[in-house]
Amino acid sequence: MEAKFPSIDLVLGIVRGALTEDLGSGDVTSNTFVPEGTNAQGHLMGKEDFILCGLPVAELVFRELDHDCGLLATAADGDAIKRGTAFATVSGNARAILAAERTALNFLQRMSAIATLTSRYVAKVKPTAALVYDTRKTTPGLRILEKYAVLVGGGRNHRMGLYDQILVKDNHLAVLNAAGVDVFKEIEKMDRGKLPQVEIEVTGVADAVRALEAGADIIMLDNMTVDEMRDAVHAVSGKAAELSLPVPVLEASGGVTLETIASIAATGVHRISVGSLTHSVKAVDISLEIV
């Protein structure tokens, strides 16, 4: 899946909100000590090995405060950056560069961290056909940037929000069960021509087969052991062949780590969703060094 940069208008809204949060009424330090009209130049430096992501966002940050600010890059999003390497040079009004520095770095450090971690998960499943997907466990207000970072790292995007795919999860099932609603029968009755894909979360082999029979497009195998997942893949594939039905997408989810993802991929699931890609990353160490 190509890592297409999000709408500039949407990203500008995020950038302006972040600058407003940091600047408030103005950068009192720079405005007090740095003479107006002073120019400066600085290098964006990687202080560890990582996959670069967010450079277009950083450029928008600098240019929001200085429209004439120049950013000369020697790398692009998706490139591997080695520790100690300068990957871009920013030049322009000194006050603007100093005021934009932290906001630009915050975007770069977080987005690069997501891309880097995603690339590590993707590398673990390479021997199989399984794909690595993100979740909605994102930072409020930053979802489009964090999901873009997942793409840059070689992963795939799950639904962007509640509006673009049906996903019946455990709490939906708890509510429906309490109300006496059989979700499988409801799926069977749906007019599928008018609705997006239907995914349902299951925790056992029997329900996985029932989801196939009901017509689910995607079956999420949630918090199953590796052996249970393998049994579910075999059972669903066998039943689909018996009924002459296409095999739905089988998705593994819950507690996936770098240590377990290879064995999960080997069960034959089609994709693996990993919440930690966006909710548990450690920021990459990137600095701006004025020269």
Protein backbone atom coordinates (compact mmCIF):
# COMPACT_ATOMS: atom_id res chain seq x y z
CA MET A 1 0.00 0.00 0.00
CA GLU A 2 1.50 3.32 -1.09
CA ALA A 3 2.26 5.81 1.67
CA LYS A 4 0.31 8.73 0.24
CA PHE A 5 0.75 11.94 2.22
CA PRO A 6 -2.53 13.18 3.75
CA SER A 7 -4.44 16.25 2.59
CA ILE A 8 -2.34 19.38 3.07
CA ASP A 9 -5.36 21.26 4.41
CA LEU A 10 -5.89 18.65 7.12
CA VAL A 11 -2.21 18.55 8.03
CA LEU A 12 -2.00 22.35 8.14
CA GLY A 13 -4.83 22.36 10.66
CA ILE A 14 -2.89 19.97 12.88
CA VAL A 15 0.32 21.98 12.47
CA ARG A 16 -1.36 25.27 13.32
CA GLY A 17 -2.99 23.78 16.40
CA ALA A 18 0.37 22.43 17.59
CA LEU A 19 2.10 25.78 17.02
CA THR A 20 -0.66 27.63 18.85
CA GLU A 21 -0.28 25.24 21.78
CA ASP A 22 3.46 25.87 22.00
CA LEU A 23 3.74 29.54 21.04
CA GLY A 24 0.74 31.04 22.79
CA SER A 25 1.31 34.80 22.65
CA GLY A 26 4.84 34.36 21.26
CA ASP A 27 8.33 33.01 21.89
CA VAL A 28 9.37 35.44 24.61
CA THR A 29 12.95 34.09 24.80
CA SER A 30 13.80 34.52 21.11
CA ASN A 31 11.83 37.74 20.81
CA THR A 32 13.76 39.19 23.77
CA PHE A 33 17.29 38.20 22.83
CA VAL A 34 17.45 37.47 19.08
CA PRO A 35 17.64 40.63 16.95
CA GLU A 36 14.76 40.94 14.49
CA GLY A 37 15.84 40.02 10.97
CA THR A 38 18.62 37.68 12.07
CA ASN A 39 18.99 34.61 9.86
CA ALA A 40 20.13 31.15 10.92
CA GLN A 41 20.80 27.69 9.53
CA GLY A 42 20.54 24.34 11.22
CA HIS A 43 20.90 20.64 10.46
CA LEU A 44 18.27 18.04 11.35
CA MET A 45 20.32 15.19 12.83
CA GLY A 46 19.54 11.58 13.63
CA LYS A 47 20.98 10.51 16.97
CA GLU A 48 20.08 6.85 16.45
CA ASP A 49 19.23 4.56 13.51
CA PHE A 50 15.63 4.96 12.33
CA ILE A 51 13.19 5.14 9.42
CA LEU A 52 12.49 8.77 8.55
CA CYS A 53 8.89 9.95 8.56
CA GLY A 54 7.28 13.37 8.89
CA LEU A 55 9.69 15.54 6.93
CA PRO A 56 6.87 17.21 4.92
CA VAL A 57 5.13 18.01 8.22
CA ALA A 58 8.29 19.54 9.69
CA GLU A 59 8.68 21.66 6.57
CA LEU A 60 5.10 22.94 6.96
CA VAL A 61 5.88 23.86 10.59
CA PHE A 62 8.93 25.95 9.67
CA ARG A 63 7.21 27.63 6.74
CA GLU A 64 4.13 28.45 8.77
CA LEU A 65 6.33 30.83 10.80
CA ASP A 66 8.58 31.91 7.93
CA HIS A 67 7.11 31.55 4.44
CA ASP A 68 10.59 32.02 2.94
CA CYS A 69 12.18 29.37 5.13
CA GLY A 70 14.16 26.83 3.11
CA LEU A 71 14.43 23.13 3.87
CA LEU A 72 16.98 21.22 1.83
CA ALA A 73 16.62 17.48 2.37
CA THR A 74 19.09 14.74 1.51
CA ALA A 75 16.57 12.02 2.43
CA ALA A 76 12.84 11.39 2.13
CA ASP A 77 10.13 9.71 4.19
CA GLY A 78 10.78 5.98 4.24
CA ASP A 79 14.57 6.26 4.05
CA ALA A 80 16.77 4.60 6.65
CA ILE A 81 18.79 7.20 8.57
CA LYS A 82 21.99 6.24 10.33
CA ARG A 83 22.98 7.62 13.71
CA GLY A 84 24.94 10.86 13.43
CA THR A 85 23.64 11.65 9.95
CA ALA A 86 22.21 15.04 8.96
CA PHE A 87 19.22 14.43 6.69
CA ALA A 88 18.02 18.01 6.11
CA THR A 89 19.12 21.62 6.48
CA VAL A 90 16.73 24.39 7.43
CA SER A 91 17.57 28.04 6.82
CA GLY A 92 15.69 31.29 7.29
CA ASN A 93 14.62 33.74 9.95
CA ALA A 94 16.29 32.81 13.22
CA ARG A 95 13.32 33.68 15.42
CA ALA A 96 11.03 31.53 13.28
CA ILE A 97 13.40 28.56 13.26
CA LEU A 98 13.83 28.67 17.03
CA ALA A 99 10.09 29.02 17.60
CA ALA A 100 9.26 26.14 15.24
CA GLU A 101 12.04 23.82 16.41
CA ARG A 102 10.27 21.84 19.12
CA THR A 103 7.00 21.42 17.25
CA ALA A 104 8.79 20.26 14.11
CA LEU A 105 10.92 17.82 16.10
CA ASN A 106 7.91 16.47 18.00
CA PHE A 107 6.22 15.51 14.73
CA LEU A 108 9.41 14.04 13.28
CA GLN A 109 10.29 12.07 16.40
CA ARG A 110 6.87 10.50 16.84
CA MET A 111 6.14 9.77 13.19
CA SER A 112 9.62 8.33 12.63
CA ALA A 113 9.20 6.16 15.73
CA ILE A 114 5.97 4.70 14.35
CA ALA A 115 7.50 4.08 10.93
CA THR A 116 10.57 2.47 12.51
CA LEU A 117 8.60 0.16 14.81
CA THR A 118 6.24 -0.80 11.98
CA SER A 119 9.19 -1.72 9.76
CA ARG A 120 10.45 -4.07 12.48
CA TYR A 121 7.09 -5.84 12.72
CA VAL A 122 6.87 -6.09 8.93
CA ALA A 123 10.33 -7.66 8.78
CA LYS A 124 9.23 -10.35 11.24
CA VAL A 125 6.40 -11.59 8.98
CA LYS A 126 8.38 -11.48 5.71
CA PRO A 127 8.60 -15.28 5.30
CA THR A 128 4.77 -15.43 5.21
CA ALA A 129 1.98 -13.69 3.29
CA ALA A 130 0.61 -12.04 6.43
CA LEU A 131 0.28 -8.26 6.48
CA VAL A 132 0.76 -5.95 9.46
CA TYR A 133 -2.13 -3.57 10.21
CA ASP A 134 -2.58 -0.69 12.63
CA THR A 135 -5.62 0.05 14.83
CA ARG A 136 -7.57 3.08 16.07
CA LYS A 137 -5.36 3.27 19.17
CA THR A 138 -3.89 6.57 18.05
CA THR A 139 -3.14 9.95 19.61
CA PRO A 140 -6.32 12.08 19.49
CA GLY A 141 -6.02 14.59 16.67
CA LEU A 142 -2.99 12.92 15.08
CA ARG A 143 -4.59 9.83 13.51
CA ILE A 144 -4.03 10.77 9.87
CA LEU A 145 -0.33 11.42 10.54
CA GLU A 146 0.19 8.30 12.63
CA LYS A 147 -1.55 6.08 10.09
CA TYR A 148 0.54 7.67 7.34
CA ALA A 149 3.63 6.77 9.38
CA VAL A 150 2.47 3.14 9.53
CA LEU A 151 2.29 3.10 5.72
CA VAL A 152 5.77 4.60 5.49
CA GLY A 153 7.03 1.76 7.68
CA GLY A 154 5.53 -0.84 5.34
CA GLY A 155 2.35 -1.57 7.29
CA ARG A 156 -1.31 -1.26 6.31
CA ASN A 157 -4.15 0.86 7.65
CA HIS A 158 -7.17 -0.70 9.31
CA ARG A 159 -10.29 1.49 9.25
CA MET A 160 -9.65 5.20 9.65
CA GLY A 161 -12.64 5.63 11.94
CA LEU A 162 -16.01 4.26 12.96
CA TYR A 163 -17.54 5.38 9.67
CA ASP A 164 -15.72 3.32 7.05
CA GLN A 165 -16.13 -0.30 8.14
CA ILE A 166 -18.40 -2.36 10.37
CA LEU A 167 -16.46 -4.02 13.18
CA VAL A 168 -18.45 -5.86 15.82
CA LYS A 169 -16.24 -6.07 18.92
CA ASP A 170 -16.59 -7.63 22.36
CA ASN A 171 -18.49 -4.72 23.90
CA HIS A 172 -20.93 -4.65 20.99
CA LEU A 173 -21.48 -8.37 21.53
CA ALA A 174 -22.01 -7.86 25.26
CA VAL A 175 -24.71 -5.26 24.57
CA LEU A 176 -26.33 -7.39 21.85
CA ASN A 177 -26.28 -10.56 23.94
CA ALA A 178 -27.89 -8.72 26.85
CA ALA A 179 -30.58 -7.50 24.46
CA GLY A 180 -31.15 -11.00 23.12
CA VAL A 181 -29.84 -10.18 19.65
CA ASP A 182 -28.08 -12.92 17.65
CA VAL A 183 -25.43 -10.97 15.75
CA PHE A 184 -24.78 -13.82 13.32
CA LYS A 185 -28.43 -13.90 12.25
CA GLU A 186 -28.36 -10.12 11.88
CA ILE A 187 -25.33 -10.35 9.57
CA GLU A 188 -27.12 -12.98 7.48
CA LYS A 189 -30.09 -10.64 6.97
CA MET A 190 -28.05 -7.57 6.01
CA ASP A 191 -28.32 -5.98 2.56
CA ARG A 192 -24.62 -6.21 1.80
CA GLY A 193 -24.86 -4.08 -1.31
CA LYS A 194 -25.50 -0.98 0.79
CA LEU A 195 -22.99 -1.48 3.57
CA PRO A 196 -19.20 -1.48 3.94
CA GLN A 197 -17.24 -4.59 4.84
CA VAL A 198 -18.38 -6.46 7.92
CA GLU A 199 -15.84 -7.70 10.45
CA ILE A 200 -16.67 -9.53 13.64
CA GLU A 201 -14.48 -10.37 16.61
CA VAL A 202 -14.51 -13.96 17.84
CA THR A 203 -12.64 -15.73 20.61
CA GLY A 204 -13.15 -19.37 19.63
CA VAL A 205 -13.08 -21.73 16.67
CA ALA A 206 -16.83 -22.42 16.69
CA ASP A 207 -17.70 -18.73 16.45
CA ALA A 208 -15.13 -18.25 13.69
CA VAL A 209 -16.92 -20.91 11.62
CA ARG A 210 -20.30 -19.37 12.48
CA ALA A 211 -19.03 -15.97 11.30
CA LEU A 212 -18.03 -17.54 7.97
CA GLU A 213 -21.48 -19.11 7.58
CA ALA A 214 -23.13 -15.77 8.39
CA GLY A 215 -21.20 -14.05 5.61
CA ALA A 216 -18.64 -11.93 7.49
CA ASP A 217 -15.98 -10.45 5.23
CA ILE A 218 -13.32 -10.38 7.95
CA ILE A 219 -13.06 -12.52 11.06
CA MET A 220 -10.94 -11.18 13.90
CA LEU A 221 -9.37 -13.93 15.99
CA ASP A 222 -9.03 -12.02 19.23
CA ASN A 223 -6.62 -12.97 22.01
CA MET A 224 -6.37 -16.58 20.88
CA THR A 225 -3.33 -18.73 21.45
CA VAL A 226 -1.20 -19.63 18.44
CA ASP A 227 -2.64 -23.18 18.49
CA GLU A 228 -6.21 -21.83 18.65
CA MET A 229 -5.52 -19.50 15.71
CA ARG A 230 -4.10 -22.35 13.67
CA ASP A 231 -7.19 -24.45 14.45
CA ALA A 232 -9.46 -21.57 13.49
CA VAL A 233 -7.67 -21.01 10.17
CA HIS A 234 -7.97 -24.73 9.37
CA ALA A 235 -11.63 -24.93 10.42
CA VAL A 236 -12.73 -21.82 8.53
CA SER A 237 -10.83 -22.82 5.38
CA GLY A 238 -12.27 -26.33 5.52
CA LYS A 239 -15.83 -25.16 6.03
CA ALA A 240 -15.48 -22.57 3.25
CA ALA A 241 -14.38 -25.33 0.84
CA GLU A 242 -17.23 -27.56 1.98
CA LEU A 243 -19.79 -24.79 1.36
CA SER A 244 -18.08 -23.49 -1.81
CA LEU A 245 -17.63 -20.11 -0.18
CA PRO A 246 -14.65 -17.76 -0.45
CA VAL A 247 -12.41 -17.80 2.60
CA PRO A 248 -12.91 -14.54 4.52
CA VAL A 249 -9.97 -12.47 5.65
CA LEU A 250 -8.68 -13.87 8.94
CA GLU A 251 -7.15 -11.29 11.26
CA ALA A 252 -5.18 -11.97 14.41
CA SER A 253 -5.41 -9.40 17.18
CA GLY A 254 -4.56 -8.94 20.83
CA GLY A 255 -1.24 -8.88 22.66
CA VAL A 256 0.90 -9.10 19.53
CA THR A 257 4.59 -8.37 20.15
CA LEU A 258 7.81 -8.47 18.15
CA GLU A 259 8.56 -11.76 19.89
CA THR A 260 5.23 -13.42 19.00
CA ILE A 261 4.28 -12.02 15.60
CA ALA A 262 6.34 -14.49 13.54
CA SER A 263 4.62 -17.51 15.11
CA ILE A 264 1.23 -15.82 14.69
CA ALA A 265 1.92 -15.18 11.00
CA ALA A 266 2.88 -18.83 10.54
CA THR A 267 -0.65 -19.95 11.51
CA GLY A 268 -1.93 -18.83 8.10
CA VAL A 269 -3.83 -15.70 9.14
CA HIS A 270 -4.02 -13.08 6.43
CA ARG A 271 -3.29 -10.08 8.57
CA ILE A 272 -2.24 -9.11 12.07
CA SER A 273 -3.37 -5.92 13.81
CA VAL A 274 -0.91 -4.36 16.24
CA GLY A 275 -2.06 -1.56 18.55
CA SER A 276 1.44 -0.89 19.84
CA LEU A 277 2.48 0.53 16.46
CA THR A 278 0.83 3.77 17.51
CA HIS A 279 0.07 3.59 21.23
CA SER A 280 3.37 2.47 22.70
CA VAL A 281 6.19 3.87 20.58
CA LYS A 282 9.24 5.56 22.05
CA ALA A 283 10.13 8.78 20.24
CA VAL A 284 13.16 8.62 17.97
CA ASP A 285 16.03 10.89 19.07
CA ILE A 286 16.31 13.70 16.49
CA SER A 287 17.83 17.13 17.04
CA LEU A 288 18.19 20.46 15.29
CA GLU A 289 21.77 21.71 15.45
CA ILE A 290 22.26 25.42 14.60
CA VAL A 291 25.51 25.96 12.69
